[in-house]
Amino acid sequence: MLYVLLVGLVAGALAGLIVRGKGYGCLLNIIVGVIGAWFGNWLLHEFGIFIESGLMGNLLTAVIGAVALLALVGLIRKIAN
């Protein structure tokens, strides 16, 4: 469980830096990172891309998913306004 939280924290912070130039704070970084890991795993498998497991593979998958998730949320916000 601690592994998931730490990977989520790092992935969420990196995704925040990539998308908006700063993180979202500890709790939101964890939430974005954990949801991003799930979303990234699903998304990559849909495209037939398989990244090796392990810390770096899990982190890369989580960052890709978190960036895609944040981009999707930003797009939905723009459409809604």
PDB file of N, CA and C in Angstrom:
ATOM      1  N   MET A   1       0.825  -1.195   0.000  1.00  0.00           N
ATOM      2  CA  MET A   1       0.000   0.000   0.000  1.00  0.00           C
ATOM      3  C   MET A   1       0.867   1.255   0.000  1.00  0.00           C
ATOM      4  N   LEU A   2       1.934   1.241   0.778  1.00  0.00           N
ATOM      5  CA  LEU A   2       2.835   2.382   0.828  1.00  0.00           C
ATOM      6  C   LEU A   2       3.475   2.608  -0.538  1.00  0.00           C
ATOM      7  N   TYR A   3       3.809   1.523  -1.232  1.00  0.00           N
ATOM      8  CA  TYR A   3       4.385   1.602  -2.582  1.00  0.00           C
ATOM      9  C   TYR A   3       3.434   2.334  -3.523  1.00  0.00           C
ATOM     10  N   VAL A   4       2.160   1.993  -3.484  1.00  0.00           N
ATOM     11  CA  VAL A   4       1.159   2.623  -4.347  1.00  0.00           C
ATOM     12  C   VAL A   4       1.059   4.113  -4.038  1.00  0.00           C
ATOM     13  N   LEU A   5       1.048   4.468  -2.769  1.00  0.00           N
ATOM     14  CA  LEU A   5       0.951   5.874  -2.383  1.00  0.00           C
ATOM     15  C   LEU A   5       2.179   6.667  -2.812  1.00  0.00           C
ATOM     16  N   LEU A   6       3.358   6.074  -2.665  1.00  0.00           N
ATOM     17  CA  LEU A   6       4.581   6.772  -3.058  1.00  0.00           C
ATOM     18  C   LEU A   6       4.670   6.949  -4.569  1.00  0.00           C
ATOM     19  N   VAL A   7       4.337   5.907  -5.320  1.00  0.00           N
ATOM     20  CA  VAL A   7       4.331   6.021  -6.779  1.00  0.00           C
ATOM     21  C   VAL A   7       3.275   7.044  -7.205  1.00  0.00           C
ATOM     22  N   GLY A   8       2.110   7.012  -6.580  1.00  0.00           N
ATOM     23  CA  GLY A   8       1.059   7.981  -6.878  1.00  0.00           C
ATOM     24  C   GLY A   8       1.498   9.401  -6.582  1.00  0.00           C
ATOM     25  N   LEU A   9       2.170   9.604  -5.472  1.00  0.00           N
ATOM     26  CA  LEU A   9       2.649  10.931  -5.103  1.00  0.00           C
ATOM     27  C   LEU A   9       3.636  11.465  -6.131  1.00  0.00           C
ATOM     28  N   VAL A  10       4.613  10.653  -6.493  1.00  0.00           N
ATOM     29  CA  VAL A  10       5.630  11.082  -7.459  1.00  0.00           C
ATOM     30  C   VAL A  10       5.001  11.292  -8.842  1.00  0.00           C
ATOM     31  N   ALA A  11       4.162  10.356  -9.262  1.00  0.00           N
ATOM     32  CA  ALA A  11       3.524  10.468 -10.583  1.00  0.00           C
ATOM     33  C   ALA A  11       2.614  11.686 -10.649  1.00  0.00           C
ATOM     34  N   GLY A  12       1.844  11.929  -9.612  1.00  0.00           N
ATOM     35  CA  GLY A  12       0.966  13.092  -9.583  1.00  0.00           C
ATOM     36  C   GLY A  12       1.746  14.400  -9.589  1.00  0.00           C
ATOM     37  N   ALA A  13       2.846  14.439  -8.856  1.00  0.00           N
ATOM     38  CA  ALA A  13       3.677  15.643  -8.832  1.00  0.00           C
ATOM     39  C   ALA A  13       4.312  15.888 -10.196  1.00  0.00           C
ATOM     40  N   LEU A  14       4.837  14.836 -10.827  1.00  0.00           N
ATOM     41  CA  LEU A  14       5.432  14.981 -12.157  1.00  0.00           C
ATOM     42  C   LEU A  14       4.391  15.399 -13.195  1.00  0.00           C
ATOM     43  N   ALA A  15       3.224  14.804 -13.130  1.00  0.00           N
ATOM     44  CA  ALA A  15       2.159  15.164 -14.067  1.00  0.00           C
ATOM     45  C   ALA A  15       1.732  16.617 -13.875  1.00  0.00           C
ATOM     46  N   GLY A  16       1.643  17.049 -12.638  1.00  0.00           N
ATOM     47  CA  GLY A  16       1.308  18.443 -12.362  1.00  0.00           C
ATOM     48  C   GLY A  16       2.358  19.387 -12.923  1.00  0.00           C
ATOM     49  N   LEU A  17       3.621  19.022 -12.784  1.00  0.00           N
ATOM     50  CA  LEU A  17       4.698  19.844 -13.349  1.00  0.00           C
ATOM     51  C   LEU A  17       4.622  19.891 -14.868  1.00  0.00           C
ATOM     52  N   ILE A  18       4.315  18.765 -15.482  1.00  0.00           N
ATOM     53  CA  ILE A  18       4.235  18.709 -16.941  1.00  0.00           C
ATOM     54  C   ILE A  18       3.044  19.508 -17.454  1.00  0.00           C
ATOM     55  N   VAL A  19       1.896  19.359 -16.825  1.00  0.00           N
ATOM     56  CA  VAL A  19       0.668  19.962 -17.336  1.00  0.00           C
ATOM     57  C   VAL A  19       0.534  21.430 -16.960  1.00  0.00           C
ATOM     58  N   ARG A  20       0.807  21.776 -15.722  1.00  0.00           N
ATOM     59  CA  ARG A  20       0.560  23.165 -15.317  1.00  0.00           C
ATOM     60  C   ARG A  20       1.750  23.862 -14.683  1.00  0.00           C
ATOM     61  N   GLY A  21       2.891  23.209 -14.620  1.00  0.00           N
ATOM     62  CA  GLY A  21       4.095  23.859 -14.121  1.00  0.00           C
ATOM     63  C   GLY A  21       4.310  23.777 -12.626  1.00  0.00           C
ATOM     64  N   LYS A  22       3.359  23.200 -11.900  1.00  0.00           N
ATOM     65  CA  LYS A  22       3.509  22.991 -10.458  1.00  0.00           C
ATOM     66  C   LYS A  22       2.586  21.873 -10.030  1.00  0.00           C
ATOM     67  N   GLY A  23       2.888  21.289  -8.887  1.00  0.00           N
ATOM     68  CA  GLY A  23       2.078  20.189  -8.377  1.00  0.00           C
ATOM     69  C   GLY A  23       0.765  20.677  -7.791  1.00  0.00           C
ATOM     70  N   TYR A  24      -0.014  19.745  -7.289  1.00  0.00           N
ATOM     71  CA  TYR A  24      -1.336  20.050  -6.744  1.00  0.00           C
ATOM     72  C   TYR A  24      -1.393  19.944  -5.221  1.00  0.00           C
ATOM     73  N   GLY A  25      -0.293  19.674  -4.582  1.00  0.00           N
ATOM     74  CA  GLY A  25      -0.282  19.426  -3.150  1.00  0.00           C
ATOM     75  C   GLY A  25      -0.244  17.926  -2.910  1.00  0.00           C
ATOM     76  N   CYS A  26       0.186  17.537  -1.764  1.00  0.00           N
ATOM     77  CA  CYS A  26       0.452  16.127  -1.459  1.00  0.00           C
ATOM     78  C   CYS A  26      -0.756  15.224  -1.696  1.00  0.00           C
ATOM     79  N   LEU A  27      -1.882  15.542  -1.124  1.00  0.00           N
ATOM     80  CA  LEU A  27      -3.048  14.672  -1.225  1.00  0.00           C
ATOM     81  C   LEU A  27      -3.570  14.573  -2.656  1.00  0.00           C
ATOM     82  N   LEU A  28      -3.709  15.701  -3.326  1.00  0.00           N
ATOM     83  CA  LEU A  28      -4.194  15.667  -4.705  1.00  0.00           C
ATOM     84  C   LEU A  28      -3.190  15.017  -5.644  1.00  0.00           C
ATOM     85  N   ASN A  29      -1.879  15.191  -5.386  1.00  0.00           N
ATOM     86  CA  ASN A  29      -0.873  14.504  -6.186  1.00  0.00           C
ATOM     87  C   ASN A  29      -1.037  12.988  -6.072  1.00  0.00           C
ATOM     88  N   ILE A  30      -1.279  12.501  -4.868  1.00  0.00           N
ATOM     89  CA  ILE A  30      -1.478  11.063  -4.665  1.00  0.00           C
ATOM     90  C   ILE A  30      -2.722  10.592  -5.411  1.00  0.00           C
ATOM     91  N   ILE A  31      -3.806  11.337  -5.289  1.00  0.00           N
ATOM     92  CA  ILE A  31      -5.061  10.951  -5.947  1.00  0.00           C
ATOM     93  C   ILE A  31      -4.888  10.947  -7.464  1.00  0.00           C
ATOM     94  N   VAL A  32      -4.305  12.025  -8.005  1.00  0.00           N
ATOM     95  CA  VAL A  32      -4.077  12.106  -9.452  1.00  0.00           C
ATOM     96  C   VAL A  32      -3.150  10.981  -9.903  1.00  0.00           C
ATOM     97  N   GLY A  33      -2.110  10.711  -9.144  1.00  0.00           N
ATOM     98  CA  GLY A  33      -1.150   9.672  -9.509  1.00  0.00           C
ATOM     99  C   GLY A  33      -1.740   8.272  -9.471  1.00  0.00           C
ATOM    100  N   VAL A  34      -2.512   7.970  -8.451  1.00  0.00           N
ATOM    101  CA  VAL A  34      -3.106   6.625  -8.335  1.00  0.00           C
ATOM    102  C   VAL A  34      -4.164   6.413  -9.417  1.00  0.00           C
ATOM    103  N   ILE A  35      -5.031   7.391  -9.610  1.00  0.00           N
ATOM    104  CA  ILE A  35      -6.032   7.273 -10.682  1.00  0.00           C
ATOM    105  C   ILE A  35      -5.334   7.267 -12.042  1.00  0.00           C
ATOM    106  N   GLY A  36      -4.290   8.078 -12.173  1.00  0.00           N
ATOM    107  CA  GLY A  36      -3.518   8.109 -13.404  1.00  0.00           C
ATOM    108  C   GLY A  36      -2.847   6.778 -13.700  1.00  0.00           C
ATOM    109  N   ALA A  37      -2.391   6.082 -12.677  1.00  0.00           N
ATOM    110  CA  ALA A  37      -1.775   4.769 -12.878  1.00  0.00           C
ATOM    111  C   ALA A  37      -2.788   3.783 -13.443  1.00  0.00           C
ATOM    112  N   TRP A  38      -3.968   3.798 -12.899  1.00  0.00           N
ATOM    113  CA  TRP A  38      -5.020   2.916 -13.408  1.00  0.00           C
ATOM    114  C   TRP A  38      -5.385   3.299 -14.839  1.00  0.00           C
ATOM    115  N   PHE A  39      -5.583   4.593 -15.068  1.00  0.00           N
ATOM    116  CA  PHE A  39      -5.961   5.082 -16.391  1.00  0.00           C
ATOM    117  C   PHE A  39      -4.849   4.823 -17.410  1.00  0.00           C
ATOM    118  N   GLY A  40      -3.620   5.057 -17.012  1.00  0.00           N
ATOM    119  CA  GLY A  40      -2.488   4.816 -17.903  1.00  0.00           C
ATOM    120  C   GLY A  40      -2.350   3.355 -18.269  1.00  0.00           C
ATOM    121  N   ASN A  41      -2.537   2.475 -17.303  1.00  0.00           N
ATOM    122  CA  ASN A  41      -2.476   1.036 -17.569  1.00  0.00           C
ATOM    123  C   ASN A  41      -3.551   0.638 -18.573  1.00  0.00           C
ATOM    124  N   TRP A  42      -4.760   1.123 -18.374  1.00  0.00           N
ATOM    125  CA  TRP A  42      -5.855   0.822 -19.301  1.00  0.00           C
ATOM    126  C   TRP A  42      -5.572   1.402 -20.692  1.00  0.00           C
ATOM    127  N   LEU A  43      -5.156   2.671 -20.717  1.00  0.00           N
ATOM    128  CA  LEU A  43      -4.927   3.362 -21.984  1.00  0.00           C
ATOM    129  C   LEU A  43      -3.809   2.701 -22.794  1.00  0.00           C
ATOM    130  N   LEU A  44      -2.705   2.404 -22.150  1.00  0.00           N
ATOM    131  CA  LEU A  44      -1.585   1.784 -22.862  1.00  0.00           C
ATOM    132  C   LEU A  44      -1.965   0.406 -23.394  1.00  0.00           C
ATOM    133  N   HIS A  45      -2.697  -0.361 -22.618  1.00  0.00           N
ATOM    134  CA  HIS A  45      -3.140  -1.681 -23.079  1.00  0.00           C
ATOM    135  C   HIS A  45      -4.096  -1.561 -24.263  1.00  0.00           C
ATOM    136  N   GLU A  46      -4.924  -0.519 -24.282  1.00  0.00           N
ATOM    137  CA  GLU A  46      -5.829  -0.299 -25.414  1.00  0.00           C
ATOM    138  C   GLU A  46      -5.053  -0.038 -26.704  1.00  0.00           C
ATOM    139  N   PHE A  47      -3.899   0.607 -26.580  1.00  0.00           N
ATOM    140  CA  PHE A  47      -3.058   0.878 -27.742  1.00  0.00           C
ATOM    141  C   PHE A  47      -2.055  -0.239 -28.014  1.00  0.00           C
ATOM    142  N   GLY A  48      -2.095  -1.298 -27.217  1.00  0.00           N
ATOM    143  CA  GLY A  48      -1.192  -2.421 -27.416  1.00  0.00           C
ATOM    144  C   GLY A  48       0.231  -2.148 -26.968  1.00  0.00           C
ATOM    145  N   ILE A  49       0.393  -1.208 -26.059  1.00  0.00           N
ATOM    146  CA  ILE A  49       1.716  -0.858 -25.540  1.00  0.00           C
ATOM    147  C   ILE A  49       1.864  -1.495 -24.164  1.00  0.00           C
ATOM    148  N   PHE A  50       2.939  -2.252 -23.989  1.00  0.00           N
ATOM    149  CA  PHE A  50       3.178  -2.935 -22.724  1.00  0.00           C
ATOM    150  C   PHE A  50       4.524  -2.489 -22.173  1.00  0.00           C
ATOM    151  N   ILE A  51       4.502  -1.869 -21.021  1.00  0.00           N
ATOM    152  CA  ILE A  51       5.713  -1.395 -20.356  1.00  0.00           C
ATOM    153  C   ILE A  51       6.043  -2.395 -19.256  1.00  0.00           C
ATOM    154  N   GLU A  52       7.315  -2.713 -19.129  1.00  0.00           N
ATOM    155  CA  GLU A  52       7.723  -3.683 -18.117  1.00  0.00           C
ATOM    156  C   GLU A  52       7.314  -3.220 -16.725  1.00  0.00           C
ATOM    157  N   SER A  53       7.071  -4.201 -15.870  1.00  0.00           N
ATOM    158  CA  SER A  53       6.723  -3.874 -14.491  1.00  0.00           C
ATOM    159  C   SER A  53       7.992  -3.490 -13.732  1.00  0.00           C
ATOM    160  N   GLY A  54       7.837  -3.146 -12.504  1.00  0.00           N
ATOM    161  CA  GLY A  54       8.946  -2.641 -11.703  1.00  0.00           C
ATOM    162  C   GLY A  54       8.698  -1.175 -11.405  1.00  0.00           C
ATOM    163  N   LEU A  55       9.544  -0.622 -10.595  1.00  0.00           N
ATOM    164  CA  LEU A  55       9.350   0.760 -10.157  1.00  0.00           C
ATOM    165  C   LEU A  55       9.303   1.735 -11.327  1.00  0.00           C
ATOM    166  N   MET A  56      10.268   1.686 -12.215  1.00  0.00           N
ATOM    167  CA  MET A  56      10.314   2.644 -13.321  1.00  0.00           C
ATOM    168  C   MET A  56       9.150   2.434 -14.290  1.00  0.00           C
ATOM    169  N   GLY A  57       8.799   1.193 -14.569  1.00  0.00           N
ATOM    170  CA  GLY A  57       7.667   0.915 -15.447  1.00  0.00           C
ATOM    171  C   GLY A  57       6.354   1.388 -14.854  1.00  0.00           C
ATOM    172  N   ASN A  58       6.172   1.122 -13.575  1.00  0.00           N
ATOM    173  CA  ASN A  58       4.956   1.574 -12.892  1.00  0.00           C
ATOM    174  C   ASN A  58       4.886   3.097 -12.848  1.00  0.00           C
ATOM    175  N   LEU A  59       6.014   3.728 -12.577  1.00  0.00           N
ATOM    176  CA  LEU A  59       6.047   5.184 -12.508  1.00  0.00           C
ATOM    177  C   LEU A  59       5.778   5.798 -13.877  1.00  0.00           C
ATOM    178  N   LEU A  60       6.379   5.249 -14.915  1.00  0.00           N
ATOM    179  CA  LEU A  60       6.158   5.761 -16.261  1.00  0.00           C
ATOM    180  C   LEU A  60       4.697   5.611 -16.669  1.00  0.00           C
ATOM    181  N   THR A  61       4.118   4.467 -16.397  1.00  0.00           N
ATOM    182  CA  THR A  61       2.707   4.240 -16.706  1.00  0.00           C
ATOM    183  C   THR A  61       1.821   5.218 -15.946  1.00  0.00           C
ATOM    184  N   ALA A  62       2.122   5.423 -14.678  1.00  0.00           N
ATOM    185  CA  ALA A  62       1.325   6.338 -13.859  1.00  0.00           C
ATOM    186  C   ALA A  62       1.449   7.775 -14.345  1.00  0.00           C
ATOM    187  N   VAL A  63       2.640   8.196 -14.732  1.00  0.00           N
ATOM    188  CA  VAL A  63       2.829   9.570 -15.215  1.00  0.00           C
ATOM    189  C   VAL A  63       2.088   9.765 -16.536  1.00  0.00           C
ATOM    190  N   ILE A  64       2.210   8.809 -17.448  1.00  0.00           N
ATOM    191  CA  ILE A  64       1.495   8.901 -18.727  1.00  0.00           C
ATOM    192  C   ILE A  64      -0.006   8.995 -18.481  1.00  0.00           C
ATOM    193  N   GLY A  65      -0.517   8.140 -17.618  1.00  0.00           N
ATOM    194  CA  GLY A  65      -1.946   8.155 -17.314  1.00  0.00           C
ATOM    195  C   GLY A  65      -2.389   9.424 -16.623  1.00  0.00           C
ATOM    196  N   ALA A  66      -1.577   9.925 -15.697  1.00  0.00           N
ATOM    197  CA  ALA A  66      -1.937  11.144 -14.973  1.00  0.00           C
ATOM    198  C   ALA A  66      -1.928  12.356 -15.898  1.00  0.00           C
ATOM    199  N   VAL A  67      -0.946  12.431 -16.796  1.00  0.00           N
ATOM    200  CA  VAL A  67      -0.906  13.537 -17.760  1.00  0.00           C
ATOM    201  C   VAL A  67      -2.126  13.468 -18.678  1.00  0.00           C
ATOM    202  N   ALA A  68      -2.449  12.270 -19.160  1.00  0.00           N
ATOM    203  CA  ALA A  68      -3.625  12.108 -20.020  1.00  0.00           C
ATOM    204  C   ALA A  68      -4.894  12.470 -19.262  1.00  0.00           C
ATOM    205  N   LEU A  69      -4.985  12.058 -18.007  1.00  0.00           N
ATOM    206  CA  LEU A  69      -6.147  12.369 -17.182  1.00  0.00           C
ATOM    207  C   LEU A  69      -6.294  13.875 -16.978  1.00  0.00           C
ATOM    208  N   LEU A  70      -5.201  14.555 -16.638  1.00  0.00           N
ATOM    209  CA  LEU A  70      -5.252  16.002 -16.437  1.00  0.00           C
ATOM    210  C   LEU A  70      -5.582  16.732 -17.732  1.00  0.00           C
ATOM    211  N   ALA A  71      -5.067  16.251 -18.846  1.00  0.00           N
ATOM    212  CA  ALA A  71      -5.396  16.853 -20.142  1.00  0.00           C
ATOM    213  C   ALA A  71      -6.882  16.671 -20.451  1.00  0.00           C
ATOM    214  N   LEU A  72      -7.412  15.494 -20.160  1.00  0.00           N
ATOM    215  CA  LEU A  72      -8.829  15.221 -20.385  1.00  0.00           C
ATOM    216  C   LEU A  72      -9.700  16.102 -19.500  1.00  0.00           C
ATOM    217  N   VAL A  73      -9.336  16.254 -18.243  1.00  0.00           N
ATOM    218  CA  VAL A  73     -10.089  17.121 -17.334  1.00  0.00           C
ATOM    219  C   VAL A  73     -10.030  18.566 -17.813  1.00  0.00           C
ATOM    220  N   GLY A  74      -8.863  19.021 -18.264  1.00  0.00           N
ATOM    221  CA  GLY A  74      -8.741  20.374 -18.794  1.00  0.00           C
ATOM    222  C   GLY A  74      -9.598  20.594 -20.025  1.00  0.00           C
ATOM    223  N   LEU A  75      -9.651  19.596 -20.892  1.00  0.00           N
ATOM    224  CA  LEU A  75     -10.480  19.684 -22.092  1.00  0.00           C
ATOM    225  C   LEU A  75     -11.957  19.758 -21.730  1.00  0.00           C
ATOM    226  N   ILE A  76     -12.374  18.945 -20.783  1.00  0.00           N
ATOM    227  CA  ILE A  76     -13.775  18.957 -20.341  1.00  0.00           C
ATOM    228  C   ILE A  76     -14.117  20.310 -19.716  1.00  0.00           C
ATOM    229  N   ARG A  77     -13.193  20.865 -18.943  1.00  0.00           N
ATOM    230  CA  ARG A  77     -13.434  22.185 -18.347  1.00  0.00           C
ATOM    231  C   ARG A  77     -13.594  23.272 -19.408  1.00  0.00           C
ATOM    232  N   LYS A  78     -12.756  23.215 -20.452  1.00  0.00           N
ATOM    233  CA  LYS A  78     -12.858  24.209 -21.529  1.00  0.00           C
ATOM    234  C   LYS A  78     -14.187  24.088 -22.272  1.00  0.00           C
ATOM    235  N   ILE A  79     -14.615  22.859 -22.512  1.00  0.00           N
ATOM    236  CA  ILE A  79     -15.880  22.630 -23.212  1.00  0.00           C
ATOM    237  C   ILE A  79     -17.051  23.100 -22.349  1.00  0.00           C
ATOM    238  N   ALA A  80     -16.973  22.866 -21.047  1.00  0.00           N
ATOM    239  CA  ALA A  80     -18.058  23.218 -20.138  1.00  0.00           C
ATOM    240  C   ALA A  80     -18.207  24.734 -19.978  1.00  0.00           C
ATOM    241  N   ASN A  81     -17.115  25.456 -20.155  1.00  0.00           N
ATOM    242  CA  ASN A  81     -17.191  26.915 -19.990  1.00  0.00           C
ATOM    243  C   ASN A  81     -17.609  27.502 -21.249  1.00  0.00           C
TER     244      ASN A  81
END
